[in-house]
């Protein structure tokens, strides 16, 4: 079931104004992530359990970078992955 929640904008810390390395000290710009409102709405699907990904025969741990070197990491099967990385426990909201 799709849900949504309104959170503080993480870029401007709910101020509506962003001041980063490009802005001169004492200056700010209207935050582009929240359009100056200070809030951001997030849409998400509630977690109900880890799904299977079809068509995968080999898995390796990645570093999350563009230049990830597959020669430095051992490969594993889907079954080995499921044993090594247990699925997150689904906790029903009350």
PDB file of N, CA and C in Angstrom:
ATOM      1  N   UNK A   1       0.847  -1.177   0.000  1.00  0.00           N
ATOM      2  CA  UNK A   1       0.000   0.000   0.000  1.00  0.00           C
ATOM      3  C   UNK A   1       0.896   1.244   0.000  1.00  0.00           C
ATOM      4  N   UNK A   2       0.630   2.145  -0.937  1.00  0.00           N
ATOM      5  CA  UNK A   2       1.411   3.371  -1.035  1.00  0.00           C
ATOM      6  C   UNK A   2       1.067   4.310   0.109  1.00  0.00           C
ATOM      7  N   UNK A   3       2.100   4.895   0.697  1.00  0.00           N
ATOM      8  CA  UNK A   3       1.922   5.837   1.794  1.00  0.00           C
ATOM      9  C   UNK A   3       2.752   7.074   1.518  1.00  0.00           C
ATOM     10  N   UNK A   4       2.499   8.126   2.276  1.00  0.00           N
ATOM     11  CA  UNK A   4       3.331   9.324   2.173  1.00  0.00           C
ATOM     12  C   UNK A   4       3.456   9.958   3.555  1.00  0.00           C
ATOM     13  N   UNK A   5       4.527  10.702   3.712  1.00  0.00           N
ATOM     14  CA  UNK A   5       4.798  11.392   4.964  1.00  0.00           C
ATOM     15  C   UNK A   5       5.489  12.707   4.625  1.00  0.00           C
ATOM     16  N   UNK A   6       5.223  13.736   5.397  1.00  0.00           N
ATOM     17  CA  UNK A   6       5.890  15.021   5.213  1.00  0.00           C
ATOM     18  C   UNK A   6       7.003  15.125   6.248  1.00  0.00           C
ATOM     19  N   UNK A   7       8.211  15.412   5.752  1.00  0.00           N
ATOM     20  CA  UNK A   7       9.380  15.501   6.621  1.00  0.00           C
ATOM     21  C   UNK A   7      10.032  16.876   6.470  1.00  0.00           C
ATOM     22  N   UNK A   8      10.948  17.185   7.395  1.00  0.00           N
ATOM     23  CA  UNK A   8      11.770  18.378   7.234  1.00  0.00           C
ATOM     24  C   UNK A   8      12.634  18.196   6.005  1.00  0.00           C
ATOM     25  N   UNK A   9      12.781  19.232   5.226  1.00  0.00           N
ATOM     26  CA  UNK A   9      13.651  19.156   4.051  1.00  0.00           C
ATOM     27  C   UNK A   9      15.084  18.924   4.523  1.00  0.00           C
ATOM     28  N   UNK A  10      15.728  17.851   4.058  1.00  0.00           N
ATOM     29  CA  UNK A  10      17.090  17.562   4.506  1.00  0.00           C
ATOM     30  C   UNK A  10      18.146  18.513   3.951  1.00  0.00           C
ATOM     31  N   UNK A  11      17.846  19.187   2.837  1.00  0.00           N
ATOM     32  CA  UNK A  11      18.838  20.088   2.246  1.00  0.00           C
ATOM     33  C   UNK A  11      18.933  21.420   2.973  1.00  0.00           C
ATOM     34  N   UNK A  12      17.788  21.971   3.371  1.00  0.00           N
ATOM     35  CA  UNK A  12      17.793  23.294   4.014  1.00  0.00           C
ATOM     36  C   UNK A  12      17.503  23.228   5.510  1.00  0.00           C
ATOM     37  N   UNK A  13      17.308  22.009   6.024  1.00  0.00           N
ATOM     38  CA  UNK A  13      17.012  21.782   7.443  1.00  0.00           C
ATOM     39  C   UNK A  13      15.775  22.564   7.889  1.00  0.00           C
ATOM     40  N   UNK A  14      14.748  22.537   7.026  1.00  0.00           N
ATOM     41  CA  UNK A  14      13.423  23.120   7.276  1.00  0.00           C
ATOM     42  C   UNK A  14      13.407  24.643   7.318  1.00  0.00           C
ATOM     43  N   UNK A  15      14.429  25.292   6.761  1.00  0.00           N
ATOM     44  CA  UNK A  15      14.444  26.758   6.743  1.00  0.00           C
ATOM     45  C   UNK A  15      13.875  27.336   5.451  1.00  0.00           C
ATOM     46  N   UNK A  16      13.886  26.523   4.385  1.00  0.00           N
ATOM     47  CA  UNK A  16      13.461  27.018   3.078  1.00  0.00           C
ATOM     48  C   UNK A  16      14.585  27.727   2.339  1.00  0.00           C
ATOM     49  N   UNK A  17      15.715  27.928   3.029  1.00  0.00           N
ATOM     50  CA  UNK A  17      16.861  28.623   2.447  1.00  0.00           C
ATOM     51  C   UNK A  17      18.077  27.718   2.465  1.00  0.00           C
ATOM     52  N   UNK A  18      18.787  27.686   1.351  1.00  0.00           N
ATOM     53  CA  UNK A  18      19.976  26.854   1.241  1.00  0.00           C
ATOM     54  C   UNK A  18      21.203  27.736   1.129  1.00  0.00           C
ATOM     55  N   UNK A  19      22.212  27.412   1.917  1.00  0.00           N
ATOM     56  CA  UNK A  19      23.483  28.121   1.859  1.00  0.00           C
ATOM     57  C   UNK A  19      24.582  27.071   1.857  1.00  0.00           C
ATOM     58  N   UNK A  20      25.215  26.918   0.704  1.00  0.00           N
ATOM     59  CA  UNK A  20      26.254  25.904   0.553  1.00  0.00           C
ATOM     60  C   UNK A  20      27.581  26.530   0.202  1.00  0.00           C
ATOM     61  N   UNK A  21      28.461  25.732  -0.397  1.00  0.00           N
ATOM     62  CA  UNK A  21      29.806  26.228  -0.687  1.00  0.00           C
ATOM     63  C   UNK A  21      29.838  27.253  -1.822  1.00  0.00           C
ATOM     64  N   UNK A  22      28.784  27.337  -2.628  1.00  0.00           N
ATOM     65  CA  UNK A  22      28.757  28.315  -3.727  1.00  0.00           C
ATOM     66  C   UNK A  22      28.240  29.680  -3.286  1.00  0.00           C
ATOM     67  N   UNK A  23      27.562  29.738  -2.135  1.00  0.00           N
ATOM     68  CA  UNK A  23      27.010  31.003  -1.659  1.00  0.00           C
ATOM     69  C   UNK A  23      28.034  31.712  -0.762  1.00  0.00           C
ATOM     70  N   UNK A  24      28.116  33.027  -0.931  1.00  0.00           N
ATOM     71  CA  UNK A  24      29.006  33.844  -0.105  1.00  0.00           C
ATOM     72  C   UNK A  24      28.441  33.881   1.314  1.00  0.00           C
ATOM     73  N   UNK A  25      29.306  33.987   2.310  1.00  0.00           N
ATOM     74  CA  UNK A  25      28.872  34.039   3.704  1.00  0.00           C
ATOM     75  C   UNK A  25      27.807  35.122   3.887  1.00  0.00           C
ATOM     76  N   UNK A  26      26.706  34.739   4.521  1.00  0.00           N
ATOM     77  CA  UNK A  26      25.612  35.676   4.758  1.00  0.00           C
ATOM     78  C   UNK A  26      24.564  35.677   3.651  1.00  0.00           C
ATOM     79  N   UNK A  27      24.771  34.894   2.604  1.00  0.00           N
ATOM     80  CA  UNK A  27      23.811  34.803   1.510  1.00  0.00           C
ATOM     81  C   UNK A  27      23.210  33.408   1.449  1.00  0.00           C
ATOM     82  N   UNK A  28      22.031  33.327   0.876  1.00  0.00           N
ATOM     83  CA  UNK A  28      21.354  32.037   0.700  1.00  0.00           C
ATOM     84  C   UNK A  28      20.521  32.093  -0.571  1.00  0.00           C
ATOM     85  N   UNK A  29      20.110  30.925  -1.038  1.00  0.00           N
ATOM     86  CA  UNK A  29      19.190  30.830  -2.167  1.00  0.00           C
ATOM     87  C   UNK A  29      17.950  30.080  -1.690  1.00  0.00           C
ATOM     88  N   UNK A  30      16.850  30.259  -2.388  1.00  0.00           N
ATOM     89  CA  UNK A  30      15.641  29.496  -2.058  1.00  0.00           C
ATOM     90  C   UNK A  30      15.935  28.039  -2.363  1.00  0.00           C
ATOM     91  N   UNK A  31      15.646  27.183  -1.420  1.00  0.00           N
ATOM     92  CA  UNK A  31      15.948  25.757  -1.557  1.00  0.00           C
ATOM     93  C   UNK A  31      15.187  25.166  -2.745  1.00  0.00           C
ATOM     94  N   UNK A  32      15.927  24.515  -3.654  1.00  0.00           N
ATOM     95  CA  UNK A  32      15.294  23.929  -4.832  1.00  0.00           C
ATOM     96  C   UNK A  32      14.611  22.604  -4.512  1.00  0.00           C
ATOM     97  N   UNK A  33      15.047  21.915  -3.469  1.00  0.00           N
ATOM     98  CA  UNK A  33      14.439  20.626  -3.133  1.00  0.00           C
ATOM     99  C   UNK A  33      13.016  20.807  -2.596  1.00  0.00           C
ATOM    100  N   UNK A  34      12.785  21.828  -1.775  1.00  0.00           N
ATOM    101  CA  UNK A  34      11.459  22.015  -1.176  1.00  0.00           C
ATOM    102  C   UNK A  34      10.751  23.270  -1.687  1.00  0.00           C
ATOM    103  N   UNK A  35      11.361  23.978  -2.634  1.00  0.00           N
ATOM    104  CA  UNK A  35      10.826  25.225  -3.189  1.00  0.00           C
ATOM    105  C   UNK A  35      10.595  26.289  -2.125  1.00  0.00           C
ATOM    106  N   UNK A  36      11.389  26.241  -1.058  1.00  0.00           N
ATOM    107  CA  UNK A  36      11.311  27.251  -0.010  1.00  0.00           C
ATOM    108  C   UNK A  36      10.315  26.960   1.100  1.00  0.00           C
ATOM    109  N   UNK A  37       9.607  25.840   1.015  1.00  0.00           N
ATOM    110  CA  UNK A  37       8.590  25.546   2.031  1.00  0.00           C
ATOM    111  C   UNK A  37       9.178  25.003   3.328  1.00  0.00           C
ATOM    112  N   UNK A  38      10.365  24.414   3.261  1.00  0.00           N
ATOM    113  CA  UNK A  38      10.975  23.808   4.433  1.00  0.00           C
ATOM    114  C   UNK A  38      10.557  22.364   4.654  1.00  0.00           C
ATOM    115  N   UNK A  39       9.615  21.886   3.846  1.00  0.00           N
ATOM    116  CA  UNK A  39       9.105  20.521   4.010  1.00  0.00           C
ATOM    117  C   UNK A  39       9.227  19.750   2.704  1.00  0.00           C
ATOM    118  N   UNK A  40       9.302  18.442   2.819  1.00  0.00           N
ATOM    119  CA  UNK A  40       9.380  17.570   1.654  1.00  0.00           C
ATOM    120  C   UNK A  40       8.456  16.389   1.878  1.00  0.00           C
ATOM    121  N   UNK A  41       7.658  16.049   0.885  1.00  0.00           N
ATOM    122  CA  UNK A  41       6.772  14.898   0.992  1.00  0.00           C
ATOM    123  C   UNK A  41       7.450  13.691   0.359  1.00  0.00           C
ATOM    124  N   UNK A  42       7.473  12.593   1.089  1.00  0.00           N
ATOM    125  CA  UNK A  42       8.078  11.359   0.602  1.00  0.00           C
ATOM    126  C   UNK A  42       6.973  10.343   0.376  1.00  0.00           C
ATOM    127  N   UNK A  43       6.989   9.721  -0.794  1.00  0.00           N
ATOM    128  CA  UNK A  43       6.034   8.662  -1.121  1.00  0.00           C
ATOM    129  C   UNK A  43       6.787   7.344  -1.079  1.00  0.00           C
ATOM    130  N   UNK A  44       6.182   6.341  -0.481  1.00  0.00           N
ATOM    131  CA  UNK A  44       6.872   5.069  -0.333  1.00  0.00           C
ATOM    132  C   UNK A  44       5.893   3.912  -0.231  1.00  0.00           C
ATOM    133  N   UNK A  45       6.438   2.715  -0.447  1.00  0.00           N
ATOM    134  CA  UNK A  45       5.698   1.470  -0.248  1.00  0.00           C
ATOM    135  C   UNK A  45       6.138   0.883   1.082  1.00  0.00           C
ATOM    136  N   UNK A  46       5.197   0.470   1.904  1.00  0.00           N
ATOM    137  CA  UNK A  46       5.525  -0.145   3.178  1.00  0.00           C
ATOM    138  C   UNK A  46       6.237  -1.476   2.921  1.00  0.00           C
ATOM    139  N   UNK A  47       7.282  -1.750   3.692  1.00  0.00           N
ATOM    140  CA  UNK A  47       8.048  -2.975   3.542  1.00  0.00           C
ATOM    141  C   UNK A  47       7.224  -4.157   4.049  1.00  0.00           C
ATOM    142  N   UNK A  48       7.098  -5.172   3.201  1.00  0.00           N
ATOM    143  CA  UNK A  48       6.336  -6.368   3.595  1.00  0.00           C
ATOM    144  C   UNK A  48       7.184  -7.629   3.495  1.00  0.00           C
ATOM    145  N   UNK A  49       8.465  -7.465   3.235  1.00  0.00           N
ATOM    146  CA  UNK A  49       9.369  -8.598   3.126  1.00  0.00           C
ATOM    147  C   UNK A  49      10.245  -8.470   1.894  1.00  0.00           C
ATOM    148  N   UNK A  50      11.405  -9.080   1.946  1.00  0.00           N
ATOM    149  CA  UNK A  50      12.323  -9.010   0.812  1.00  0.00           C
ATOM    150  C   UNK A  50      11.763  -9.821  -0.347  1.00  0.00           C
ATOM    151  N   UNK A  51      11.784  -9.220  -1.523  1.00  0.00           N
ATOM    152  CA  UNK A  51      11.297  -9.886  -2.734  1.00  0.00           C
ATOM    153  C   UNK A  51      12.436 -10.626  -3.415  1.00  0.00           C
ATOM    154  N   UNK A  52      12.082 -11.596  -4.242  1.00  0.00           N
ATOM    155  CA  UNK A  52      13.057 -12.303  -5.077  1.00  0.00           C
ATOM    156  C   UNK A  52      13.337 -11.457  -6.314  1.00  0.00           C
ATOM    157  N   UNK A  53      14.567 -11.481  -6.785  1.00  0.00           N
ATOM    158  CA  UNK A  53      14.941 -10.811  -8.033  1.00  0.00           C
ATOM    159  C   UNK A  53      15.252 -11.902  -9.044  1.00  0.00           C
ATOM    160  N   UNK A  54      14.442 -12.010 -10.065  1.00  0.00           N
ATOM    161  CA  UNK A  54      14.593 -13.081 -11.045  1.00  0.00           C
ATOM    162  C   UNK A  54      15.724 -12.779 -12.032  1.00  0.00           C
ATOM    163  N   UNK A  55      16.261 -13.855 -12.603  1.00  0.00           N
ATOM    164  CA  UNK A  55      17.279 -13.708 -13.634  1.00  0.00           C
ATOM    165  C   UNK A  55      18.679 -13.474 -13.108  1.00  0.00           C
ATOM    166  N   UNK A  56      18.887 -13.589 -11.805  1.00  0.00           N
ATOM    167  CA  UNK A  56      20.209 -13.349 -11.218  1.00  0.00           C
ATOM    168  C   UNK A  56      20.855 -14.686 -10.888  1.00  0.00           C
ATOM    169  N   UNK A  57      22.086 -14.895 -11.375  1.00  0.00           N
ATOM    170  CA  UNK A  57      22.780 -16.144 -11.081  1.00  0.00           C
ATOM    171  C   UNK A  57      24.048 -15.924 -10.257  1.00  0.00           C
ATOM    172  N   UNK A  58      24.639 -14.722 -10.356  1.00  0.00           N
ATOM    173  CA  UNK A  58      25.857 -14.426  -9.593  1.00  0.00           C
ATOM    174  C   UNK A  58      25.685 -13.114  -8.845  1.00  0.00           C
ATOM    175  N   UNK A  59      26.203 -13.076  -7.616  1.00  0.00           N
ATOM    176  CA  UNK A  59      26.082 -11.890  -6.760  1.00  0.00           C
ATOM    177  C   UNK A  59      27.433 -11.648  -6.110  1.00  0.00           C
ATOM    178  N   UNK A  60      27.783 -10.383  -5.933  1.00  0.00           N
ATOM    179  CA  UNK A  60      28.989 -10.021  -5.190  1.00  0.00           C
ATOM    180  C   UNK A  60      28.698  -8.776  -4.364  1.00  0.00           C
ATOM    181  N   UNK A  61      29.470  -8.557  -3.332  1.00  0.00           N
ATOM    182  CA  UNK A  61      29.343  -7.338  -2.542  1.00  0.00           C
ATOM    183  C   UNK A  61      29.898  -6.190  -3.362  1.00  0.00           C
ATOM    184  N   UNK A  62      29.205  -5.090  -3.392  1.00  0.00           N
ATOM    185  CA  UNK A  62      29.654  -3.923  -4.139  1.00  0.00           C
ATOM    186  C   UNK A  62      29.957  -2.782  -3.191  1.00  0.00           C
ATOM    187  N   UNK A  63      30.724  -1.820  -3.674  1.00  0.00           N
ATOM    188  CA  UNK A  63      31.065  -0.664  -2.850  1.00  0.00           C
ATOM    189  C   UNK A  63      30.124   0.506  -3.110  1.00  0.00           C
ATOM    190  N   UNK A  64      29.286   0.383  -4.130  1.00  0.00           N
ATOM    191  CA  UNK A  64      28.354   1.466  -4.437  1.00  0.00           C
ATOM    192  C   UNK A  64      28.965   2.578  -5.262  1.00  0.00           C
ATOM    193  N   UNK A  65      30.144   2.337  -5.805  1.00  0.00           N
ATOM    194  CA  UNK A  65      30.788   3.366  -6.615  1.00  0.00           C
ATOM    195  C   UNK A  65      30.752   2.976  -8.082  1.00  0.00           C
ATOM    196  N   UNK A  66      30.961   3.942  -8.933  1.00  0.00           N
ATOM    197  CA  UNK A  66      30.981   3.724 -10.371  1.00  0.00           C
ATOM    198  C   UNK A  66      32.164   2.855 -10.786  1.00  0.00           C
ATOM    199  N   UNK A  67      33.252   2.961 -10.057  1.00  0.00           N
ATOM    200  CA  UNK A  67      34.482   2.258 -10.414  1.00  0.00           C
ATOM    201  C   UNK A  67      34.658   0.977  -9.599  1.00  0.00           C
ATOM    202  N   UNK A  68      33.572   0.315  -9.274  1.00  0.00           N
ATOM    203  CA  UNK A  68      33.607  -0.918  -8.499  1.00  0.00           C
ATOM    204  C   UNK A  68      34.365  -1.984  -9.277  1.00  0.00           C
ATOM    205  N   UNK A  69      35.369  -2.588  -8.680  1.00  0.00           N
ATOM    206  CA  UNK A  69      36.217  -3.568  -9.363  1.00  0.00           C
ATOM    207  C   UNK A  69      35.771  -4.979  -8.993  1.00  0.00           C
ATOM    208  N   UNK A  70      35.126  -5.678  -9.924  1.00  0.00           N
ATOM    209  CA  UNK A  70      34.601  -7.017  -9.659  1.00  0.00           C
ATOM    210  C   UNK A  70      35.711  -8.052  -9.495  1.00  0.00           C
ATOM    211  N   UNK A  71      36.931  -7.730  -9.888  1.00  0.00           N
ATOM    212  CA  UNK A  71      38.041  -8.687  -9.752  1.00  0.00           C
ATOM    213  C   UNK A  71      38.504  -8.817  -8.304  1.00  0.00           C
ATOM    214  N   UNK A  72      38.157  -7.862  -7.448  1.00  0.00           N
ATOM    215  CA  UNK A  72      38.619  -7.865  -6.060  1.00  0.00           C
ATOM    216  C   UNK A  72      37.599  -8.473  -5.101  1.00  0.00           C
ATOM    217  N   UNK A  73      36.473  -8.923  -5.603  1.00  0.00           N
ATOM    218  CA  UNK A  73      35.409  -9.422  -4.743  1.00  0.00           C
ATOM    219  C   UNK A  73      35.003 -10.826  -5.166  1.00  0.00           C
ATOM    220  N   UNK A  74      34.722 -11.676  -4.193  1.00  0.00           N
ATOM    221  CA  UNK A  74      34.277 -13.043  -4.488  1.00  0.00           C
ATOM    222  C   UNK A  74      32.804 -13.041  -4.890  1.00  0.00           C
ATOM    223  N   UNK A  75      32.477 -13.911  -5.823  1.00  0.00           N
ATOM    224  CA  UNK A  75      31.098 -14.060  -6.268  1.00  0.00           C
ATOM    225  C   UNK A  75      30.404 -15.113  -5.419  1.00  0.00           C
ATOM    226  N   UNK A  76      29.068 -15.052  -5.330  1.00  0.00           N
ATOM    227  CA  UNK A  76      28.290 -16.046  -4.593  1.00  0.00           C
ATOM    228  C   UNK A  76      27.017 -16.348  -5.363  1.00  0.00           C
ATOM    229  N   UNK A  77      26.366 -17.450  -5.014  1.00  0.00           N
ATOM    230  CA  UNK A  77      25.087 -17.812  -5.631  1.00  0.00           C
ATOM    231  C   UNK A  77      23.960 -17.073  -4.905  1.00  0.00           C
ATOM    232  N   UNK A  78      22.761 -17.125  -5.481  1.00  0.00           N
ATOM    233  CA  UNK A  78      21.601 -16.499  -4.849  1.00  0.00           C
ATOM    234  C   UNK A  78      21.330 -17.148  -3.492  1.00  0.00           C
ATOM    235  N   UNK A  79      21.452 -18.466  -3.414  1.00  0.00           N
ATOM    236  CA  UNK A  79      21.246 -19.177  -2.153  1.00  0.00           C
ATOM    237  C   UNK A  79      22.255 -18.768  -1.090  1.00  0.00           C
ATOM    238  N   UNK A  80      23.516 -18.588  -1.502  1.00  0.00           N
ATOM    239  CA  UNK A  80      24.547 -18.140  -0.561  1.00  0.00           C
ATOM    240  C   UNK A  80      24.232 -16.734  -0.052  1.00  0.00           C
ATOM    241  N   UNK A  81      23.754 -15.864  -0.954  1.00  0.00           N
ATOM    242  CA  UNK A  81      23.359 -14.510  -0.562  1.00  0.00           C
ATOM    243  C   UNK A  81      22.254 -14.547   0.490  1.00  0.00           C
ATOM    244  N   UNK A  82      21.240 -15.377   0.253  1.00  0.00           N
ATOM    245  CA  UNK A  82      20.124 -15.452   1.197  1.00  0.00           C
ATOM    246  C   UNK A  82      20.568 -15.952   2.570  1.00  0.00           C
ATOM    247  N   UNK A  83      21.575 -16.823   2.612  1.00  0.00           N
ATOM    248  CA  UNK A  83      22.111 -17.308   3.895  1.00  0.00           C
ATOM    249  C   UNK A  83      23.004 -16.253   4.553  1.00  0.00           C
ATOM    250  N   UNK A  84      23.793 -15.560   3.742  1.00  0.00           N
ATOM    251  CA  UNK A  84      24.743 -14.579   4.258  1.00  0.00           C
ATOM    252  C   UNK A  84      24.060 -13.303   4.750  1.00  0.00           C
ATOM    253  N   UNK A  85      23.043 -12.853   4.010  1.00  0.00           N
ATOM    254  CA  UNK A  85      22.352 -11.603   4.337  1.00  0.00           C
ATOM    255  C   UNK A  85      20.897 -11.918   4.641  1.00  0.00           C
ATOM    256  N   UNK A  86      20.558 -12.137   5.906  1.00  0.00           N
ATOM    257  CA  UNK A  86      19.175 -12.454   6.246  1.00  0.00           C
ATOM    258  C   UNK A  86      18.243 -11.295   5.887  1.00  0.00           C
ATOM    259  N   UNK A  87      17.056 -11.619   5.455  1.00  0.00           N
ATOM    260  CA  UNK A  87      16.071 -10.592   5.102  1.00  0.00           C
ATOM    261  C   UNK A  87      15.674  -9.815   6.345  1.00  0.00           C
ATOM    262  N   UNK A  88      15.394  -8.534   6.157  1.00  0.00           N
ATOM    263  CA  UNK A  88      14.911  -7.707   7.263  1.00  0.00           C
ATOM    264  C   UNK A  88      13.567  -8.241   7.735  1.00  0.00           C
ATOM    265  N   UNK A  89      13.347  -8.149   9.023  1.00  0.00           N
ATOM    266  CA  UNK A  89      12.102  -8.646   9.589  1.00  0.00           C
ATOM    267  C   UNK A  89      10.988  -7.648   9.322  1.00  0.00           C
ATOM    268  N   UNK A  90       9.870  -8.158   8.847  1.00  0.00           N
ATOM    269  CA  UNK A  90       8.708  -7.310   8.598  1.00  0.00           C
ATOM    270  C   UNK A  90       7.971  -7.084   9.912  1.00  0.00           C
ATOM    271  N   UNK A  91       7.778  -5.806  10.253  1.00  0.00           N
ATOM    272  CA  UNK A  91       7.063  -5.455  11.482  1.00  0.00           C
ATOM    273  C   UNK A  91       5.800  -4.711  11.109  1.00  0.00           C
ATOM    274  N   UNK A  92       4.679  -5.333  11.375  1.00  0.00           N
ATOM    275  CA  UNK A  92       3.386  -4.724  11.032  1.00  0.00           C
ATOM    276  C   UNK A  92       3.124  -3.522  11.931  1.00  0.00           C
ATOM    277  N   UNK A  93       2.699  -2.426  11.314  1.00  0.00           N
ATOM    278  CA  UNK A  93       2.344  -1.211  12.055  1.00  0.00           C
ATOM    279  C   UNK A  93       1.053  -1.461  12.836  1.00  0.00           C
ATOM    280  N   UNK A  94       1.015  -0.995  14.061  1.00  0.00           N
ATOM    281  CA  UNK A  94      -0.221  -1.170  14.846  1.00  0.00           C
ATOM    282  C   UNK A  94      -0.992   0.115  14.973  1.00  0.00           C
TER     283      UNK A  94
END
